[in-house]
Amino acid sequence: GTGLAAGLGLAVKHVQVPASLAASIAAPALGDFAVLL
């Protein structure tokens, strides 16, 4: 599938990955745990 999209230059959505793995970590804030009530 990737080869077909690249070979024909198809305008399709691609996976977006942050340049830094640390940037993709979204630790919940303390206040977010209130939802468990």
PDB file of all heavy atoms in Angstrom:
ATOM      1  N   GLY A   1       0.817  -1.215   0.000  1.00  0.00           N
ATOM      2  CA  GLY A   1       0.000   0.000   0.000  1.00  0.00           C
ATOM      3  C   GLY A   1       0.846   1.258   0.000  1.00  0.00           C
ATOM      4  O   GLY A   1       0.546   2.230  -0.717  1.00  0.00           O
ATOM      5  N   THR A   2       1.932   1.248   0.777  1.00  0.00           N
ATOM      6  CA  THR A   2       2.827   2.412   0.830  1.00  0.00           C
ATOM      7  C   THR A   2       3.515   2.625  -0.507  1.00  0.00           C
ATOM      8  O   THR A   2       3.654   3.766  -0.987  1.00  0.00           O
ATOM      9  CB  THR A   2       3.873   2.219   1.940  1.00  0.00           C
ATOM     10  OG1 THR A   2       3.199   2.025   3.186  1.00  0.00           O
ATOM     11  CG2 THR A   2       4.784   3.424   2.052  1.00  0.00           C
ATOM     12  N   GLY A   3       3.938   1.519  -1.124  1.00  0.00           N
ATOM     13  CA  GLY A   3       4.600   1.614  -2.425  1.00  0.00           C
ATOM     14  C   GLY A   3       3.679   2.174  -3.493  1.00  0.00           C
ATOM     15  O   GLY A   3       4.098   2.983  -4.333  1.00  0.00           O
ATOM     16  N   LEU A   4       2.402   1.758  -3.487  1.00  0.00           N
ATOM     17  CA  LEU A   4       1.441   2.269  -4.466  1.00  0.00           C
ATOM     18  C   LEU A   4       1.240   3.768  -4.274  1.00  0.00           C
ATOM     19  O   LEU A   4       1.252   4.540  -5.253  1.00  0.00           O
ATOM     20  CB  LEU A   4       0.115   1.533  -4.324  1.00  0.00           C
ATOM     21  CG  LEU A   4      -1.002   1.998  -5.270  1.00  0.00           C
ATOM     22  CD1 LEU A   4      -0.653   1.665  -6.718  1.00  0.00           C
ATOM     23  CD2 LEU A   4      -2.339   1.349  -4.897  1.00  0.00           C
ATOM     24  N   ALA A   5       1.058   4.190  -3.016  1.00  0.00           N
ATOM     25  CA  ALA A   5       0.834   5.616  -2.757  1.00  0.00           C
ATOM     26  C   ALA A   5       2.035   6.457  -3.161  1.00  0.00           C
ATOM     27  O   ALA A   5       1.893   7.533  -3.762  1.00  0.00           O
ATOM     28  CB  ALA A   5       0.512   5.826  -1.278  1.00  0.00           C
ATOM     29  N   ALA A   6       3.248   5.966  -2.841  1.00  0.00           N
ATOM     30  CA  ALA A   6       4.461   6.718  -3.172  1.00  0.00           C
ATOM     31  C   ALA A   6       4.730   6.699  -4.672  1.00  0.00           C
ATOM     32  O   ALA A   6       5.103   7.728  -5.263  1.00  0.00           O
ATOM     33  CB  ALA A   6       5.648   6.142  -2.409  1.00  0.00           C
ATOM     34  N   GLY A   7       4.529   5.537  -5.307  1.00  0.00           N
ATOM     35  CA  GLY A   7       4.831   5.410  -6.731  1.00  0.00           C
ATOM     36  C   GLY A   7       3.953   6.285  -7.602  1.00  0.00           C
ATOM     37  O   GLY A   7       4.417   6.832  -8.607  1.00  0.00           O
ATOM     38  N   LEU A   8       2.674   6.410  -7.216  1.00  0.00           N
ATOM     39  CA  LEU A   8       1.755   7.218  -8.020  1.00  0.00           C
ATOM     40  C   LEU A   8       1.579   8.620  -7.465  1.00  0.00           C
ATOM     41  O   LEU A   8       0.834   9.419  -8.033  1.00  0.00           O
ATOM     42  CB  LEU A   8       0.385   6.520  -8.098  1.00  0.00           C
ATOM     43  CG  LEU A   8       0.352   5.153  -8.793  1.00  0.00           C
ATOM     44  CD1 LEU A   8      -1.064   4.590  -8.788  1.00  0.00           C
ATOM     45  CD2 LEU A   8       0.872   5.250 -10.226  1.00  0.00           C
ATOM     46  N   GLY A   9       2.244   8.908  -6.355  1.00  0.00           N
ATOM     47  CA  GLY A   9       2.112  10.236  -5.753  1.00  0.00           C
ATOM     48  C   GLY A   9       0.689  10.542  -5.333  1.00  0.00           C
ATOM     49  O   GLY A   9       0.201  11.668  -5.516  1.00  0.00           O
ATOM     50  N   LEU A  10       0.000   9.548  -4.747  1.00  0.00           N
ATOM     51  CA  LEU A  10      -1.416   9.717  -4.401  1.00  0.00           C
ATOM     52  C   LEU A  10      -1.578  10.634  -3.190  1.00  0.00           C
ATOM     53  O   LEU A  10      -0.824  10.547  -2.225  1.00  0.00           O
ATOM     54  CB  LEU A  10      -2.040   8.352  -4.106  1.00  0.00           C
ATOM     55  CG  LEU A  10      -1.996   7.340  -5.259  1.00  0.00           C
ATOM     56  CD1 LEU A  10      -2.635   6.027  -4.828  1.00  0.00           C
ATOM     57  CD2 LEU A  10      -2.706   7.890  -6.497  1.00  0.00           C
ATOM     58  N   ALA A  11      -2.591  11.472  -3.258  1.00  0.00           N
ATOM     59  CA  ALA A  11      -2.859  12.423  -2.178  1.00  0.00           C
ATOM     60  C   ALA A  11      -3.739  11.753  -1.123  1.00  0.00           C
ATOM     61  O   ALA A  11      -4.966  11.865  -1.140  1.00  0.00           O
ATOM     62  CB  ALA A  11      -3.541  13.671  -2.728  1.00  0.00           C
ATOM     63  N   VAL A  12      -3.125  11.010  -0.217  1.00  0.00           N
ATOM     64  CA  VAL A  12      -3.850  10.319   0.855  1.00  0.00           C
ATOM     65  C   VAL A  12      -3.259  10.736   2.191  1.00  0.00           C
ATOM     66  O   VAL A  12      -2.135  11.238   2.267  1.00  0.00           O
ATOM     67  CB  VAL A  12      -3.762   8.781   0.692  1.00  0.00           C
ATOM     68  CG1 VAL A  12      -4.480   8.333  -0.570  1.00  0.00           C
ATOM     69  CG2 VAL A  12      -2.317   8.310   0.672  1.00  0.00           C
ATOM     70  N   LYS A  13      -4.013  10.518   3.251  1.00  0.00           N
ATOM     71  CA  LYS A  13      -3.539  10.835   4.591  1.00  0.00           C
ATOM     72  C   LYS A  13      -2.465   9.846   5.016  1.00  0.00           C
ATOM     73  O   LYS A  13      -2.569   8.647   4.746  1.00  0.00           O
ATOM     74  CB  LYS A  13      -4.695  10.790   5.593  1.00  0.00           C
ATOM     75  CG  LYS A  13      -5.766  11.840   5.356  1.00  0.00           C
ATOM     76  CD  LYS A  13      -6.895  11.678   6.374  1.00  0.00           C
ATOM     77  CE  LYS A  13      -8.011  12.700   6.117  1.00  0.00           C
ATOM     78  NZ  LYS A  13      -9.158  12.492   7.051  1.00  0.00           N
ATOM     79  N   HIS A  14      -1.447  10.352   5.688  1.00  0.00           N
ATOM     80  CA  HIS A  14      -0.366   9.513   6.190  1.00  0.00           C
ATOM     81  C   HIS A  14      -0.318   9.553   7.712  1.00  0.00           C
ATOM     82  O   HIS A  14      -0.897  10.445   8.345  1.00  0.00           O
ATOM     83  CB  HIS A  14       0.983   9.981   5.619  1.00  0.00           C
ATOM     84  CG  HIS A  14       1.170   9.641   4.175  1.00  0.00           C
ATOM     85  ND1 HIS A  14       0.506  10.307   3.169  1.00  0.00           N
ATOM     86  CD2 HIS A  14       1.941   8.706   3.556  1.00  0.00           C
ATOM     87  CE1 HIS A  14       0.861   9.809   1.991  1.00  0.00           C
ATOM     88  NE2 HIS A  14       1.726   8.829   2.200  1.00  0.00           N
ATOM     89  N   VAL A  15       0.374   8.591   8.285  1.00  0.00           N
ATOM     90  CA  VAL A  15       0.568   8.541   9.729  1.00  0.00           C
ATOM     91  C   VAL A  15       1.374   9.761  10.177  1.00  0.00           C
ATOM     92  O   VAL A  15       2.348  10.145   9.525  1.00  0.00           O
ATOM     93  CB  VAL A  15       1.315   7.244  10.136  1.00  0.00           C
ATOM     94  CG1 VAL A  15       1.693   7.264  11.608  1.00  0.00           C
ATOM     95  CG2 VAL A  15       0.458   6.031   9.822  1.00  0.00           C
ATOM     96  N   GLN A  16       0.953  10.355  11.272  1.00  0.00           N
ATOM     97  CA  GLN A  16       1.687  11.479  11.849  1.00  0.00           C
ATOM     98  C   GLN A  16       2.362  11.017  13.136  1.00  0.00           C
ATOM     99  O   GLN A  16       1.702  10.553  14.057  1.00  0.00           O
ATOM    100  CB  GLN A  16       0.738  12.640  12.139  1.00  0.00           C
ATOM    101  CG  GLN A  16       0.066  13.209  10.894  1.00  0.00           C
ATOM    102  CD  GLN A  16       1.064  13.829   9.934  1.00  0.00           C
ATOM    103  OE1 GLN A  16       1.967  14.566  10.335  1.00  0.00           O
ATOM    104  NE2 GLN A  16       0.912  13.529   8.643  1.00  0.00           N
ATOM    105  N   VAL A  17       3.678  11.125  13.189  1.00  0.00           N
ATOM    106  CA  VAL A  17       4.442  10.707  14.363  1.00  0.00           C
ATOM    107  C   VAL A  17       5.271  11.898  14.839  1.00  0.00           C
ATOM    108  O   VAL A  17       5.969  12.525  14.032  1.00  0.00           O
ATOM    109  CB  VAL A  17       5.372   9.520  14.037  1.00  0.00           C
ATOM    110  CG1 VAL A  17       6.143   9.093  15.275  1.00  0.00           C
ATOM    111  CG2 VAL A  17       4.568   8.349  13.488  1.00  0.00           C
ATOM    112  N   PRO A  18       5.226  12.233  16.129  1.00  0.00           N
ATOM    113  CA  PRO A  18       6.034  13.358  16.626  1.00  0.00           C
ATOM    114  C   PRO A  18       7.525  13.114  16.411  1.00  0.00           C
ATOM    115  O   PRO A  18       7.991  11.967  16.432  1.00  0.00           O
ATOM    116  CB  PRO A  18       5.694  13.397  18.116  1.00  0.00           C
ATOM    117  CG  PRO A  18       4.397  12.692  18.248  1.00  0.00           C
ATOM    118  CD  PRO A  18       4.393  11.642  17.180  1.00  0.00           C
ATOM    119  N   ALA A  19       8.249  14.187  16.190  1.00  0.00           N
ATOM    120  CA  ALA A  19       9.694  14.062  15.992  1.00  0.00           C
ATOM    121  C   ALA A  19      10.381  13.496  17.225  1.00  0.00           C
ATOM    122  O   ALA A  19      11.413  12.840  17.140  1.00  0.00           O
ATOM    123  CB  ALA A  19      10.289  15.421  15.632  1.00  0.00           C
ATOM    124  N   SER A  20       9.816  13.738  18.399  1.00  0.00           N
ATOM    125  CA  SER A  20      10.369  13.227  19.649  1.00  0.00           C
ATOM    126  C   SER A  20       9.332  12.339  20.336  1.00  0.00           C
ATOM    127  O   SER A  20       8.158  12.714  20.447  1.00  0.00           O
ATOM    128  CB  SER A  20      10.744  14.385  20.588  1.00  0.00           C
ATOM    129  OG  SER A  20      10.984  13.925  21.898  1.00  0.00           O
ATOM    130  N   LEU A  21       9.759  11.150  20.758  1.00  0.00           N
ATOM    131  CA  LEU A  21       8.842  10.245  21.447  1.00  0.00           C
ATOM    132  C   LEU A  21       8.329  10.885  22.731  1.00  0.00           C
ATOM    133  O   LEU A  21       7.161  10.703  23.099  1.00  0.00           O
ATOM    134  CB  LEU A  21       9.553   8.926  21.767  1.00  0.00           C
ATOM    135  CG  LEU A  21       8.697   7.839  22.414  1.00  0.00           C
ATOM    136  CD1 LEU A  21       7.561   7.423  21.498  1.00  0.00           C
ATOM    137  CD2 LEU A  21       9.551   6.630  22.784  1.00  0.00           C
ATOM    138  N   ALA A  22       9.179  11.641  23.404  1.00  0.00           N
ATOM    139  CA  ALA A  22       8.760  12.298  24.646  1.00  0.00           C
ATOM    140  C   ALA A  22       7.601  13.258  24.396  1.00  0.00           C
ATOM    141  O   ALA A  22       6.739  13.452  25.269  1.00  0.00           O
ATOM    142  CB  ALA A  22       9.942  13.029  25.273  1.00  0.00           C
ATOM    143  N   ALA A  23       7.566  13.850  23.200  1.00  0.00           N
ATOM    144  CA  ALA A  23       6.501  14.801  22.885  1.00  0.00           C
ATOM    145  C   ALA A  23       5.145  14.126  22.754  1.00  0.00           C
ATOM    146  O   ALA A  23       4.105  14.787  22.842  1.00  0.00           O
ATOM    147  CB  ALA A  23       6.835  15.533  21.583  1.00  0.00           C
ATOM    148  N   SER A  24       5.140  12.809  22.540  1.00  0.00           N
ATOM    149  CA  SER A  24       3.877  12.095  22.371  1.00  0.00           C
ATOM    150  C   SER A  24       3.320  11.581  23.696  1.00  0.00           C
ATOM    151  O   SER A  24       2.220  11.045  23.742  1.00  0.00           O
ATOM    152  CB  SER A  24       4.070  10.915  21.420  1.00  0.00           C
ATOM    153  OG  SER A  24       4.992   9.983  21.949  1.00  0.00           O
ATOM    154  N   ILE A  25       4.091  11.736  24.773  1.00  0.00           N
ATOM    155  CA  ILE A  25       3.619  11.304  26.093  1.00  0.00           C
ATOM    156  C   ILE A  25       2.723  12.388  26.684  1.00  0.00           C
ATOM    157  O   ILE A  25       3.120  13.544  26.792  1.00  0.00           O
ATOM    158  CB  ILE A  25       4.804  11.020  27.034  1.00  0.00           C
ATOM    159  CG1 ILE A  25       5.612   9.820  26.502  1.00  0.00           C
ATOM    160  CG2 ILE A  25       4.324  10.755  28.448  1.00  0.00           C
ATOM    161  CD1 ILE A  25       6.872   9.536  27.280  1.00  0.00           C
ATOM    162  N   ALA A  26       1.509  11.998  27.027  1.00  0.00           N
ATOM    163  CA  ALA A  26       0.537  12.960  27.578  1.00  0.00           C
ATOM    164  C   ALA A  26       0.073  12.441  28.930  1.00  0.00           C
ATOM    165  O   ALA A  26      -1.003  11.845  29.050  1.00  0.00           O
ATOM    166  CB  ALA A  26      -0.633  13.129  26.621  1.00  0.00           C
ATOM    167  N   ALA A  27       0.887  12.635  29.945  1.00  0.00           N
ATOM    168  CA  ALA A  27       0.550  12.153  31.279  1.00  0.00           C
ATOM    169  C   ALA A  27      -0.661  12.919  31.820  1.00  0.00           C
ATOM    170  O   ALA A  27      -0.739  14.144  31.678  1.00  0.00           O
ATOM    171  CB  ALA A  27       1.743  12.337  32.213  1.00  0.00           C
ATOM    172  N   PRO A  28      -1.621  12.216  32.403  1.00  0.00           N
ATOM    173  CA  PRO A  28      -2.787  12.922  32.952  1.00  0.00           C
ATOM    174  C   PRO A  28      -2.398  13.800  34.135  1.00  0.00           C
ATOM    175  O   PRO A  28      -1.536  13.429  34.949  1.00  0.00           O
ATOM    176  CB  PRO A  28      -3.706  11.775  33.395  1.00  0.00           C
ATOM    177  CG  PRO A  28      -2.809  10.598  33.570  1.00  0.00           C
ATOM    178  CD  PRO A  28      -1.696  10.760  32.590  1.00  0.00           C
ATOM    179  N   ALA A  29      -3.013  14.965  34.222  1.00  0.00           N
ATOM    180  CA  ALA A  29      -2.795  15.850  35.370  1.00  0.00           C
ATOM    181  C   ALA A  29      -3.560  15.311  36.571  1.00  0.00           C
ATOM    182  O   ALA A  29      -4.483  14.503  36.442  1.00  0.00           O
ATOM    183  CB  ALA A  29      -3.259  17.263  35.031  1.00  0.00           C
ATOM    184  N   LEU A  30      -3.172  15.762  37.745  1.00  0.00           N
ATOM    185  CA  LEU A  30      -3.798  15.280  38.972  1.00  0.00           C
ATOM    186  C   LEU A  30      -5.304  15.532  38.951  1.00  0.00           C
ATOM    187  O   LEU A  30      -6.105  14.685  39.377  1.00  0.00           O
ATOM    188  CB  LEU A  30      -3.160  15.965  40.186  1.00  0.00           C
ATOM    189  CG  LEU A  30      -3.559  15.418  41.560  1.00  0.00           C
ATOM    190  CD1 LEU A  30      -3.179  13.945  41.683  1.00  0.00           C
ATOM    191  CD2 LEU A  30      -2.907  16.237  42.673  1.00  0.00           C
ATOM    192  N   GLY A  31      -5.694  16.679  38.424  1.00  0.00           N
ATOM    193  CA  GLY A  31      -7.121  17.010  38.370  1.00  0.00           C
ATOM    194  C   GLY A  31      -7.916  16.110  37.441  1.00  0.00           C
ATOM    195  O   GLY A  31      -9.135  15.965  37.599  1.00  0.00           O
ATOM    196  N   ASP A  32      -7.225  15.478  36.452  1.00  0.00           N
ATOM    197  CA  ASP A  32      -7.934  14.604  35.513  1.00  0.00           C
ATOM    198  C   ASP A  32      -8.498  13.367  36.200  1.00  0.00           C
ATOM    199  O   ASP A  32      -9.438  12.744  35.692  1.00  0.00           O
ATOM    200  CB  ASP A  32      -6.996  14.177  34.377  1.00  0.00           C
ATOM    201  CG  ASP A  32      -6.589  15.341  33.487  1.00  0.00           C
ATOM    202  OD1 ASP A  32      -7.356  16.327  33.427  1.00  0.00           O
ATOM    203  OD2 ASP A  32      -5.514  15.273  32.856  1.00  0.00           O
ATOM    204  N   PHE A  33      -7.899  12.973  37.335  1.00  0.00           N
ATOM    205  CA  PHE A  33      -8.352  11.766  38.022  1.00  0.00           C
ATOM    206  C   PHE A  33      -9.697  11.968  38.719  1.00  0.00           C
ATOM    207  O   PHE A  33     -10.304  10.995  39.185  1.00  0.00           O
ATOM    208  CB  PHE A  33      -7.297  11.305  39.034  1.00  0.00           C
ATOM    209  CG  PHE A  33      -6.095  10.673  38.394  1.00  0.00           C
ATOM    210  CD1 PHE A  33      -5.004  11.452  38.012  1.00  0.00           C
ATOM    211  CD2 PHE A  33      -6.059   9.319  38.155  1.00  0.00           C
ATOM    212  CE1 PHE A  33      -3.896  10.881  37.410  1.00  0.00           C
ATOM    213  CE2 PHE A  33      -4.960   8.726  37.556  1.00  0.00           C
ATOM    214  CZ  PHE A  33      -3.875   9.500  37.179  1.00  0.00           C
ATOM    215  N   ALA A  34     -10.176  13.209  38.770  1.00  0.00           N
ATOM    216  CA  ALA A  34     -11.491  13.467  39.370  1.00  0.00           C
ATOM    217  C   ALA A  34     -12.598  12.766  38.602  1.00  0.00           C
ATOM    218  O   ALA A  34     -13.675  12.491  39.148  1.00  0.00           O
ATOM    219  CB  ALA A  34     -11.754  14.978  39.423  1.00  0.00           C
ATOM    220  N   VAL A  35     -12.328  12.435  37.338  1.00  0.00           N
ATOM    221  CA  VAL A  35     -13.338  11.759  36.533  1.00  0.00           C
ATOM    222  C   VAL A  35     -13.697  10.400  37.120  1.00  0.00           C
ATOM    223  O   VAL A  35     -14.802   9.878  36.916  1.00  0.00           O
ATOM    224  CB  VAL A  35     -12.830  11.616  35.070  1.00  0.00           C
ATOM    225  CG1 VAL A  35     -11.728  10.568  34.978  1.00  0.00           C
ATOM    226  CG2 VAL A  35     -13.965  11.260  34.129  1.00  0.00           C
ATOM    227  N   LEU A  36     -12.780   9.815  37.899  1.00  0.00           N
ATOM    228  CA  LEU A  36     -13.022   8.494  38.485  1.00  0.00           C
ATOM    229  C   LEU A  36     -14.044   8.539  39.618  1.00  0.00           C
ATOM    230  O   LEU A  36     -14.470   7.493  40.121  1.00  0.00           O
ATOM    231  CB  LEU A  36     -11.712   7.893  39.005  1.00  0.00           C
ATOM    232  CG  LEU A  36     -10.656   7.587  37.933  1.00  0.00           C
ATOM    233  CD1 LEU A  36      -9.376   7.081  38.579  1.00  0.00           C
ATOM    234  CD2 LEU A  36     -11.191   6.558  36.936  1.00  0.00           C
ATOM    235  N   LEU A  37     -14.433   9.731  40.037  1.00  0.00           N
ATOM    236  CA  LEU A  37     -15.468   9.849  41.058  1.00  0.00           C
ATOM    237  C   LEU A  37     -16.844   9.502  40.502  1.00  0.00           C
ATOM    238  O   LEU A  37     -17.785   9.281  41.266  1.00  0.00           O
ATOM    239  CB  LEU A  37     -15.485  11.272  41.631  1.00  0.00           C
ATOM    240  CG  LEU A  37     -14.206  11.702  42.361  1.00  0.00           C
ATOM    241  CD1 LEU A  37     -14.302  13.165  42.783  1.00  0.00           C
ATOM    242  CD2 LEU A  37     -13.952  10.806  43.573  1.00  0.00           C
TER     243      LEU A  37
END
